[in-house]
PDB file of N, CA and C in Angstrom:
ATOM      1  N   MET A   1     -70.230 -15.117  32.214  1.00  0.00           N
ATOM      2  CA  MET A   1     -69.184 -15.625  31.513  1.00  0.00           C
ATOM      3  C   MET A   1     -69.592 -16.700  30.615  1.00  0.00           C
ATOM      4  N   SER A   2     -68.969 -16.900  29.484  1.00  0.00           N
ATOM      5  CA  SER A   2     -69.223 -17.948  28.622  1.00  0.00           C
ATOM      6  C   SER A   2     -68.483 -19.327  29.105  1.00  0.00           C
ATOM      7  N   ASP A   3     -68.654 -20.205  28.335  1.00  0.00           N
ATOM      8  CA  ASP A   3     -68.006 -21.532  28.620  1.00  0.00           C
ATOM      9  C   ASP A   3     -66.532 -21.679  27.939  1.00  0.00           C
ATOM     10  N   ASP A   4     -66.147 -20.465  27.459  1.00  0.00           N
ATOM     11  CA  ASP A   4     -64.745 -20.483  26.793  1.00  0.00           C
ATOM     12  C   ASP A   4     -63.706 -20.750  27.869  1.00  0.00           C
ATOM     13  N   PRO A   5     -62.848 -21.753  27.746  1.00  0.00           N
ATOM     14  CA  PRO A   5     -61.826 -21.992  28.875  1.00  0.00           C
ATOM     15  C   PRO A   5     -60.678 -20.932  28.818  1.00  0.00           C
ATOM     16  N   TYR A   6     -60.606 -20.012  27.769  1.00  0.00           N
ATOM     17  CA  TYR A   6     -59.530 -19.208  27.550  1.00  0.00           C
ATOM     18  C   TYR A   6     -60.079 -17.679  27.881  1.00  0.00           C
ATOM     19  N   GLU A   7     -61.140 -17.552  28.396  1.00  0.00           N
ATOM     20  CA  GLU A   7     -61.799 -16.208  28.771  1.00  0.00           C
ATOM     21  C   GLU A   7     -61.201 -15.855  30.165  1.00  0.00           C
ATOM     22  N   TYR A   8     -60.599 -14.741  30.352  1.00  0.00           N
ATOM     23  CA  TYR A   8     -60.020 -14.417  31.805  1.00  0.00           C
ATOM     24  C   TYR A   8     -60.589 -12.928  32.046  1.00  0.00           C
ATOM     25  N   ASP A   9     -60.537 -12.789  33.296  1.00  0.00           N
ATOM     26  CA  ASP A   9     -61.115 -11.528  33.734  1.00  0.00           C
ATOM     27  C   ASP A   9     -59.801 -10.464  33.678  1.00  0.00           C
ATOM     28  N   ASP A  10     -60.279  -9.111  33.853  1.00  0.00           N
ATOM     29  CA  ASP A  10     -59.277  -8.050  33.686  1.00  0.00           C
ATOM     30  C   ASP A  10     -58.212  -8.239  34.757  1.00  0.00           C
ATOM     31  N   MET A  11     -58.549  -8.632  35.976  1.00  0.00           N
ATOM     32  CA  MET A  11     -57.684  -8.723  37.065  1.00  0.00           C
ATOM     33  C   MET A  11     -56.656  -9.696  36.792  1.00  0.00           C
ATOM     34  N   PHE A  12     -56.911 -10.853  36.293  1.00  0.00           N
ATOM     35  CA  PHE A  12     -55.907 -11.924  35.909  1.00  0.00           C
ATOM     36  C   PHE A  12     -55.023 -11.351  34.977  1.00  0.00           C
ATOM     37  N   ILE A  13     -55.549 -10.704  33.773  1.00  0.00           N
ATOM     38  CA  ILE A  13     -54.751 -10.228  32.790  1.00  0.00           C
ATOM     39  C   ILE A  13     -53.703  -9.009  33.279  1.00  0.00           C
ATOM     40  N   ASP A  14     -54.219  -8.373  34.172  1.00  0.00           N
ATOM     41  CA  ASP A  14     -53.414  -7.263  34.798  1.00  0.00           C
ATOM     42  C   ASP A  14     -52.307  -7.847  35.620  1.00  0.00           C
ATOM     43  N   LEU A  15     -52.585  -8.879  36.260  1.00  0.00           N
ATOM     44  CA  LEU A  15     -51.675  -9.613  37.211  1.00  0.00           C
ATOM     45  C   LEU A  15     -50.510 -10.185  36.163  1.00  0.00           C
ATOM     46  N   MET A  16     -50.880 -10.802  35.190  1.00  0.00           N
ATOM     47  CA  MET A  16     -49.876 -11.366  34.272  1.00  0.00           C
ATOM     48  C   MET A  16     -49.062 -10.254  33.565  1.00  0.00           C
ATOM     49  N   LEU A  17     -49.671  -9.107  33.235  1.00  0.00           N
ATOM     50  CA  LEU A  17     -48.852  -8.019  32.564  1.00  0.00           C
ATOM     51  C   LEU A  17     -48.013  -7.241  33.598  1.00  0.00           C
ATOM     52  N   PHE A  18     -48.441  -6.863  34.827  1.00  0.00           N
ATOM     53  CA  PHE A  18     -47.785  -5.860  35.595  1.00  0.00           C
ATOM     54  C   PHE A  18     -47.111  -6.672  36.800  1.00  0.00           C
ATOM     55  N   GLY A  19     -47.531  -7.832  37.056  1.00  0.00           N
ATOM     56  CA  GLY A  19     -47.002  -8.492  38.211  1.00  0.00           C
ATOM     57  C   GLY A  19     -47.940  -8.178  39.379  1.00  0.00           C
ATOM     58  N   GLY A  20     -47.617  -8.807  40.451  1.00  0.00           N
ATOM     59  CA  GLY A  20     -48.535  -8.660  41.609  1.00  0.00           C
ATOM     60  C   GLY A  20     -47.816  -7.872  42.743  1.00  0.00           C
ATOM     61  N   LYS A  21     -48.742  -7.097  43.558  1.00  0.00           N
ATOM     62  CA  LYS A  21     -48.196  -6.351  44.733  1.00  0.00           C
ATOM     63  C   LYS A  21     -49.107  -6.625  45.899  1.00  0.00           C
ATOM     64  N   VAL A  22     -48.592  -6.871  46.991  1.00  0.00           N
ATOM     65  CA  VAL A  22     -49.532  -7.215  48.195  1.00  0.00           C
ATOM     66  C   VAL A  22     -49.798  -5.794  49.015  1.00  0.00           C
ATOM     67  N   CYS A  23     -51.058  -5.456  49.229  1.00  0.00           N
ATOM     68  CA  CYS A  23     -51.431  -4.363  49.951  1.00  0.00           C
ATOM     69  C   CYS A  23     -51.116  -4.703  51.369  1.00  0.00           C
ATOM     70  N   SER A  24     -50.365  -3.729  52.101  1.00  0.00           N
ATOM     71  CA  SER A  24     -49.849  -3.920  53.368  1.00  0.00           C
ATOM     72  C   SER A  24     -51.066  -3.777  54.330  1.00  0.00           C
ATOM     73  N   HIS A  25     -52.110  -3.267  53.942  1.00  0.00           N
ATOM     74  CA  HIS A  25     -53.370  -2.918  54.855  1.00  0.00           C
ATOM     75  C   HIS A  25     -54.303  -4.262  54.879  1.00  0.00           C
ATOM     76  N   CYS A  26     -54.787  -4.584  53.633  1.00  0.00           N
ATOM     77  CA  CYS A  26     -55.667  -5.628  53.551  1.00  0.00           C
ATOM     78  C   CYS A  26     -55.067  -6.958  53.200  1.00  0.00           C
ATOM     79  N   GLY A  27     -53.885  -7.005  52.667  1.00  0.00           N
ATOM     80  CA  GLY A  27     -53.259  -8.329  52.356  1.00  0.00           C
ATOM     81  C   GLY A  27     -53.643  -8.912  50.971  1.00  0.00           C
ATOM     82  N   ARG A  28     -54.430  -8.244  50.153  1.00  0.00           N
ATOM     83  CA  ARG A  28     -54.834  -8.640  48.877  1.00  0.00           C
ATOM     84  C   ARG A  28     -53.685  -8.534  47.862  1.00  0.00           C
ATOM     85  N   THR A  29     -53.495  -9.503  46.931  1.00  0.00           N
ATOM     86  CA  THR A  29     -52.557  -9.406  45.955  1.00  0.00           C
ATOM     87  C   THR A  29     -53.292  -8.739  44.736  1.00  0.00           C
ATOM     88  N   LEU A  30     -52.835  -7.616  44.406  1.00  0.00           N
ATOM     89  CA  LEU A  30     -53.359  -6.767  43.211  1.00  0.00           C
ATOM     90  C   LEU A  30     -52.419  -6.491  42.121  1.00  0.00           C
ATOM     91  N   PRO A  31     -52.839  -6.140  40.863  1.00  0.00           N
ATOM     92  CA  PRO A  31     -51.816  -5.836  39.952  1.00  0.00           C
ATOM     93  C   PRO A  31     -51.083  -4.656  40.333  1.00  0.00           C
ATOM     94  N   ALA A  32     -49.813  -4.679  40.046  1.00  0.00           N
ATOM     95  CA  ALA A  32     -48.794  -3.458  40.492  1.00  0.00           C
ATOM     96  C   ALA A  32     -48.960  -2.384  39.345  1.00  0.00           C
ATOM     97  N   ASN A  33     -50.125  -1.685  39.364  1.00  0.00           N
ATOM     98  CA  ASN A  33     -50.265  -0.483  38.396  1.00  0.00           C
ATOM     99  C   ASN A  33     -50.876   0.649  39.087  1.00  0.00           C
ATOM    100  N   THR A  34     -51.081   1.653  38.448  1.00  0.00           N
ATOM    101  CA  THR A  34     -51.517   2.926  39.025  1.00  0.00           C
ATOM    102  C   THR A  34     -52.991   2.832  39.050  1.00  0.00           C
ATOM    103  N   GLU A  35     -53.751   1.867  38.401  1.00  0.00           N
ATOM    104  CA  GLU A  35     -55.176   1.669  38.509  1.00  0.00           C
ATOM    105  C   GLU A  35     -55.533   1.251  39.973  1.00  0.00           C
ATOM    106  N   ARG A  36     -54.587   0.363  40.634  1.00  0.00           N
ATOM    107  CA  ARG A  36     -54.880  -0.181  41.853  1.00  0.00           C
ATOM    108  C   ARG A  36     -54.174   0.529  42.906  1.00  0.00           C
ATOM    109  N   PHE A  37     -52.938   1.107  42.763  1.00  0.00           N
ATOM    110  CA  PHE A  37     -52.133   1.740  43.649  1.00  0.00           C
ATOM    111  C   PHE A  37     -51.795   3.236  43.268  1.00  0.00           C
ATOM    112  N   ASN A  38     -51.665   4.059  44.265  1.00  0.00           N
ATOM    113  CA  ASN A  38     -51.337   5.409  43.976  1.00  0.00           C
ATOM    114  C   ASN A  38     -49.871   5.484  43.753  1.00  0.00           C
ATOM    115  N   ARG A  39     -49.295   6.601  43.109  1.00  0.00           N
ATOM    116  CA  ARG A  39     -47.986   6.678  42.939  1.00  0.00           C
ATOM    117  C   ARG A  39     -47.198   7.209  44.221  1.00  0.00           C
ATOM    118  N   ASP A  40     -45.992   6.784  44.339  1.00  0.00           N
ATOM    119  CA  ASP A  40     -45.111   7.213  45.370  1.00  0.00           C
ATOM    120  C   ASP A  40     -43.842   7.120  44.905  1.00  0.00           C
ATOM    121  N   HIS A  41     -43.100   8.269  44.700  1.00  0.00           N
ATOM    122  CA  HIS A  41     -41.801   8.288  44.200  1.00  0.00           C
ATOM    123  C   HIS A  41     -40.763   7.750  45.110  1.00  0.00           C
ATOM    124  N   THR A  42     -40.991   7.745  46.349  1.00  0.00           N
ATOM    125  CA  THR A  42     -40.009   7.180  47.433  1.00  0.00           C
ATOM    126  C   THR A  42     -39.922   5.816  47.412  1.00  0.00           C
ATOM    127  N   GLU A  43     -40.897   4.911  46.990  1.00  0.00           N
ATOM    128  CA  GLU A  43     -41.004   3.544  46.953  1.00  0.00           C
ATOM    129  C   GLU A  43     -40.017   3.117  45.705  1.00  0.00           C
ATOM    130  N   PRO A  44     -39.396   1.873  45.866  1.00  0.00           N
ATOM    131  CA  PRO A  44     -38.711   1.419  44.738  1.00  0.00           C
ATOM    132  C   PRO A  44     -39.426   1.243  43.577  1.00  0.00           C
ATOM    133  N   ASP A  45     -40.586   0.718  43.606  1.00  0.00           N
ATOM    134  CA  ASP A  45     -41.402   0.362  42.462  1.00  0.00           C
ATOM    135  C   ASP A  45     -42.321   1.569  41.991  1.00  0.00           C
ATOM    136  N   GLY A  46     -42.245   2.633  42.777  1.00  0.00           N
ATOM    137  CA  GLY A  46     -43.031   3.915  42.403  1.00  0.00           C
ATOM    138  C   GLY A  46     -44.444   3.886  42.918  1.00  0.00           C
ATOM    139  N   LEU A  47     -44.897   2.882  43.442  1.00  0.00           N
ATOM    140  CA  LEU A  47     -46.251   2.731  43.940  1.00  0.00           C
ATOM    141  C   LEU A  47     -46.313   2.606  45.547  1.00  0.00           C
ATOM    142  N   THR A  48     -47.496   3.181  46.052  1.00  0.00           N
ATOM    143  CA  THR A  48     -47.694   3.118  47.557  1.00  0.00           C
ATOM    144  C   THR A  48     -47.794   1.681  48.016  1.00  0.00           C
ATOM    145  N   VAL A  49     -47.616   1.578  49.295  1.00  0.00           N
ATOM    146  CA  VAL A  49     -47.772   0.127  49.860  1.00  0.00           C
ATOM    147  C   VAL A  49     -49.093  -0.244  50.245  1.00  0.00           C
ATOM    148  N   THR A  50     -49.944   0.696  50.164  1.00  0.00           N
ATOM    149  CA  THR A  50     -51.446   0.234  50.332  1.00  0.00           C
ATOM    150  C   THR A  50     -52.229   0.594  49.164  1.00  0.00           C
ATOM    151  N   CYS A  51     -53.185  -0.231  48.776  1.00  0.00           N
ATOM    152  CA  CYS A  51     -54.035  -0.111  47.724  1.00  0.00           C
ATOM    153  C   CYS A  51     -54.960   1.147  47.760  1.00  0.00           C
ATOM    154  N   ARG A  52     -55.456   1.534  46.612  1.00  0.00           N
ATOM    155  CA  ARG A  52     -56.411   2.687  46.520  1.00  0.00           C
ATOM    156  C   ARG A  52     -57.609   2.600  47.446  1.00  0.00           C
ATOM    157  N   GLN A  53     -58.214   1.328  47.523  1.00  0.00           N
ATOM    158  CA  GLN A  53     -59.413   1.221  48.262  1.00  0.00           C
ATOM    159  C   GLN A  53     -59.112   1.222  49.763  1.00  0.00           C
ATOM    160  N   CYS A  54     -57.913   0.879  50.290  1.00  0.00           N
ATOM    161  CA  CYS A  54     -57.627   0.959  51.625  1.00  0.00           C
ATOM    162  C   CYS A  54     -57.221   2.404  52.077  1.00  0.00           C
ATOM    163  N   ARG A  55     -56.563   3.037  51.099  1.00  0.00           N
ATOM    164  CA  ARG A  55     -56.210   4.502  51.495  1.00  0.00           C
ATOM    165  C   ARG A  55     -57.500   5.382  51.415  1.00  0.00           C
ATOM    166  N   ALA A  56     -58.393   5.063  50.491  1.00  0.00           N
ATOM    167  CA  ALA A  56     -59.718   5.804  50.638  1.00  0.00           C
ATOM    168  C   ALA A  56     -60.554   5.563  51.901  1.00  0.00           C
ATOM    169  N   ALA A  57     -60.585   4.205  52.289  1.00  0.00           N
ATOM    170  CA  ALA A  57     -61.282   3.907  53.390  1.00  0.00           C
ATOM    171  C   ALA A  57     -60.625   4.596  54.725  1.00  0.00           C
ATOM    172  N   SER A  58     -59.279   4.572  54.824  1.00  0.00           N
ATOM    173  CA  SER A  58     -58.673   5.197  55.929  1.00  0.00           C
ATOM    174  C   SER A  58     -58.864   6.779  55.895  1.00  0.00           C
ATOM    175  N   ALA A  59     -58.874   7.284  54.726  1.00  0.00           N
ATOM    176  CA  ALA A  59     -59.021   8.725  54.651  1.00  0.00           C
ATOM    177  C   ALA A  59     -60.516   9.070  55.075  1.00  0.00           C
ATOM    178  N   ARG A  60     -61.448   8.317  54.609  1.00  0.00           N
ATOM    179  CA  ARG A  60     -62.734   8.487  55.032  1.00  0.00           C
ATOM    180  C   ARG A  60     -63.048   8.431  56.560  1.00  0.00           C
ATOM    181  N   GLN A  61     -62.338   7.504  57.089  1.00  0.00           N
ATOM    182  CA  GLN A  61     -62.375   7.207  58.573  1.00  0.00           C
ATOM    183  C   GLN A  61     -61.738   8.365  59.243  1.00  0.00           C
ATOM    184  N   ARG A  62     -60.594   8.912  58.736  1.00  0.00           N
ATOM    185  CA  ARG A  62     -59.954   9.912  59.411  1.00  0.00           C
ATOM    186  C   ARG A  62     -60.823  11.196  59.310  1.00  0.00           C
ATOM    187  N   TYR A  63     -61.428  11.477  58.134  1.00  0.00           N
ATOM    188  CA  TYR A  63     -62.255  12.568  57.941  1.00  0.00           C
ATOM    189  C   TYR A  63     -63.397  12.848  58.851  1.00  0.00           C
ATOM    190  N   TYR A  64     -63.919  11.635  59.380  1.00  0.00           N
ATOM    191  CA  TYR A  64     -65.147  11.714  60.233  1.00  0.00           C
ATOM    192  C   TYR A  64     -64.768  11.493  61.650  1.00  0.00           C
ATOM    193  N   THR A  65     -63.506  11.472  62.061  1.00  0.00           N
ATOM    194  CA  THR A  65     -63.132  11.627  63.455  1.00  0.00           C
ATOM    195  C   THR A  65     -63.394  12.923  63.966  1.00  0.00           C
ATOM    196  N   PRO A  66     -63.250  13.049  65.387  1.00  0.00           N
ATOM    197  CA  PRO A  66     -63.391  14.417  65.999  1.00  0.00           C
ATOM    198  C   PRO A  66     -62.178  15.331  65.484  1.00  0.00           C
ATOM    199  N   ALA A  67     -60.970  14.746  65.254  1.00  0.00           N
ATOM    200  CA  ALA A  67     -59.808  15.543  64.823  1.00  0.00           C
ATOM    201  C   ALA A  67     -60.352  16.163  63.389  1.00  0.00           C
ATOM    202  N   GLY A  68     -60.744  15.306  62.613  1.00  0.00           N
ATOM    203  CA  GLY A  68     -61.249  15.659  61.187  1.00  0.00           C
ATOM    204  C   GLY A  68     -62.315  16.780  61.235  1.00  0.00           C
ATOM    205  N   GLU A  69     -63.252  16.751  62.201  1.00  0.00           N
ATOM    206  CA  GLU A  69     -64.151  17.692  62.341  1.00  0.00           C
ATOM    207  C   GLU A  69     -63.669  19.079  62.720  1.00  0.00           C
ATOM    208  N   VAL A  70     -62.692  19.078  63.594  1.00  0.00           N
ATOM    209  CA  VAL A  70     -61.949  20.272  63.996  1.00  0.00           C
ATOM    210  C   VAL A  70     -61.195  20.913  62.793  1.00  0.00           C
ATOM    211  N   ARG A  71     -60.696  20.043  61.973  1.00  0.00           N
ATOM    212  CA  ARG A  71     -59.889  20.404  60.758  1.00  0.00           C
ATOM    213  C   ARG A  71     -60.819  21.150  59.867  1.00  0.00           C
ATOM    214  N   ARG A  72     -61.941  20.481  59.509  1.00  0.00           N
ATOM    215  CA  ARG A  72     -63.043  21.053  58.708  1.00  0.00           C
ATOM    216  C   ARG A  72     -63.540  22.438  59.144  1.00  0.00           C
ATOM    217  N   ALA A  73     -63.706  22.565  60.544  1.00  0.00           N
ATOM    218  CA  ALA A  73     -64.181  23.831  61.066  1.00  0.00           C
ATOM    219  C   ALA A  73     -63.100  24.828  60.902  1.00  0.00           C
ATOM    220  N   ARG A  74     -61.897  24.570  61.036  1.00  0.00           N
ATOM    221  CA  ARG A  74     -60.785  25.464  60.887  1.00  0.00           C
ATOM    222  C   ARG A  74     -60.754  25.850  59.397  1.00  0.00           C
ATOM    223  N   ARG A  75     -60.666  25.114  58.463  1.00  0.00           N
ATOM    224  CA  ARG A  75     -60.847  25.309  57.031  1.00  0.00           C
ATOM    225  C   ARG A  75     -61.934  26.356  56.721  1.00  0.00           C
ATOM    226  N   ARG A  76     -63.047  26.001  57.248  1.00  0.00           N
ATOM    227  CA  ARG A  76     -64.400  26.711  56.982  1.00  0.00           C
ATOM    228  C   ARG A  76     -64.079  28.159  57.401  1.00  0.00           C
ATOM    229  N   ALA A  77     -63.565  28.265  58.661  1.00  0.00           N
ATOM    230  CA  ALA A  77     -63.338  29.605  59.316  1.00  0.00           C
ATOM    231  C   ALA A  77     -62.395  30.390  58.513  1.00  0.00           C
ATOM    232  N   LEU A  78     -61.226  29.740  58.047  1.00  0.00           N
ATOM    233  CA  LEU A  78     -60.306  30.343  57.289  1.00  0.00           C
ATOM    234  C   LEU A  78     -60.769  30.813  55.827  1.00  0.00           C
ATOM    235  N   ARG A  79     -61.655  29.981  55.247  1.00  0.00           N
ATOM    236  CA  ARG A  79     -62.266  30.351  53.941  1.00  0.00           C
ATOM    237  C   ARG A  79     -63.219  31.676  54.165  1.00  0.00           C
ATOM    238  N   ILE A  80     -63.950  31.725  55.269  1.00  0.00           N
ATOM    239  CA  ILE A  80     -64.855  32.762  55.592  1.00  0.00           C
ATOM    240  C   ILE A  80     -63.906  33.928  55.761  1.00  0.00           C
ATOM    241  N   ALA A  81     -62.856  33.857  56.536  1.00  0.00           N
ATOM    242  CA  ALA A  81     -62.097  35.018  56.795  1.00  0.00           C
ATOM    243  C   ALA A  81     -61.386  35.606  55.530  1.00  0.00           C
ATOM    244  N   ARG A  82     -60.890  34.626  54.636  1.00  0.00           N
ATOM    245  CA  ARG A  82     -60.495  35.237  53.396  1.00  0.00           C
ATOM    246  C   ARG A  82     -61.467  35.883  52.502  1.00  0.00           C
ATOM    247  N   ARG A  83     -62.649  35.392  52.558  1.00  0.00           N
ATOM    248  CA  ARG A  83     -63.666  35.800  51.742  1.00  0.00           C
ATOM    249  C   ARG A  83     -63.915  37.393  52.226  1.00  0.00           C
ATOM    250  N   GLU A  84     -64.036  37.425  53.666  1.00  0.00           N
ATOM    251  CA  GLU A  84     -64.307  38.778  54.277  1.00  0.00           C
ATOM    252  C   GLU A  84     -63.164  39.690  53.957  1.00  0.00           C
ATOM    253  N   ALA A  85     -62.044  39.291  54.012  1.00  0.00           N
ATOM    254  CA  ALA A  85     -60.831  40.119  53.792  1.00  0.00           C
ATOM    255  C   ALA A  85     -60.859  40.618  52.377  1.00  0.00           C
ATOM    256  N   LYS A  86     -61.242  39.797  51.305  1.00  0.00           N
ATOM    257  CA  LYS A  86     -61.243  40.119  49.931  1.00  0.00           C
ATOM    258  C   LYS A  86     -62.373  41.208  49.849  1.00  0.00           C
ATOM    259  N   GLU A  87     -63.423  40.990  50.469  1.00  0.00           N
ATOM    260  CA  GLU A  87     -64.645  41.853  50.335  1.00  0.00           C
ATOM    261  C   GLU A  87     -64.233  43.263  50.893  1.00  0.00           C
ATOM    262  N   ASN A  88     -63.519  43.395  52.114  1.00  0.00           N
ATOM    263  CA  ASN A  88     -63.184  44.480  52.586  1.00  0.00           C
ATOM    264  C   ASN A  88     -62.037  45.279  51.771  1.00  0.00           C
ATOM    265  N   ALA A  89     -61.284  44.498  51.135  1.00  0.00           N
ATOM    266  CA  ALA A  89     -60.138  45.078  50.340  1.00  0.00           C
ATOM    267  C   ALA A  89     -60.684  45.874  49.095  1.00  0.00           C
ATOM    268  N   THR A  90     -61.800  45.425  48.573  1.00  0.00           N
ATOM    269  CA  THR A  90     -62.356  46.064  47.506  1.00  0.00           C
ATOM    270  C   THR A  90     -63.319  47.149  47.805  1.00  0.00           C
TER     271      THR A  90
END
């Protein structure tokens, strides 16, 4: 950054333009826009209550749990069964 006292970062400018929203998971105040929060039509402001980073982290964690492994195995088996059914049909 330069010594210019009027140089602001993008986060500050977005906060000024869109207003802030607090993530219910991490507690950070972020700009209330679709760059930081996913869309959710059920919420009054149209954005999810957790930020994109927290949602991605929880999805990653859920994916690597034993239940996620079972889910992946079922999807894989279903994909193979569909492929075999398509090959048998032709």
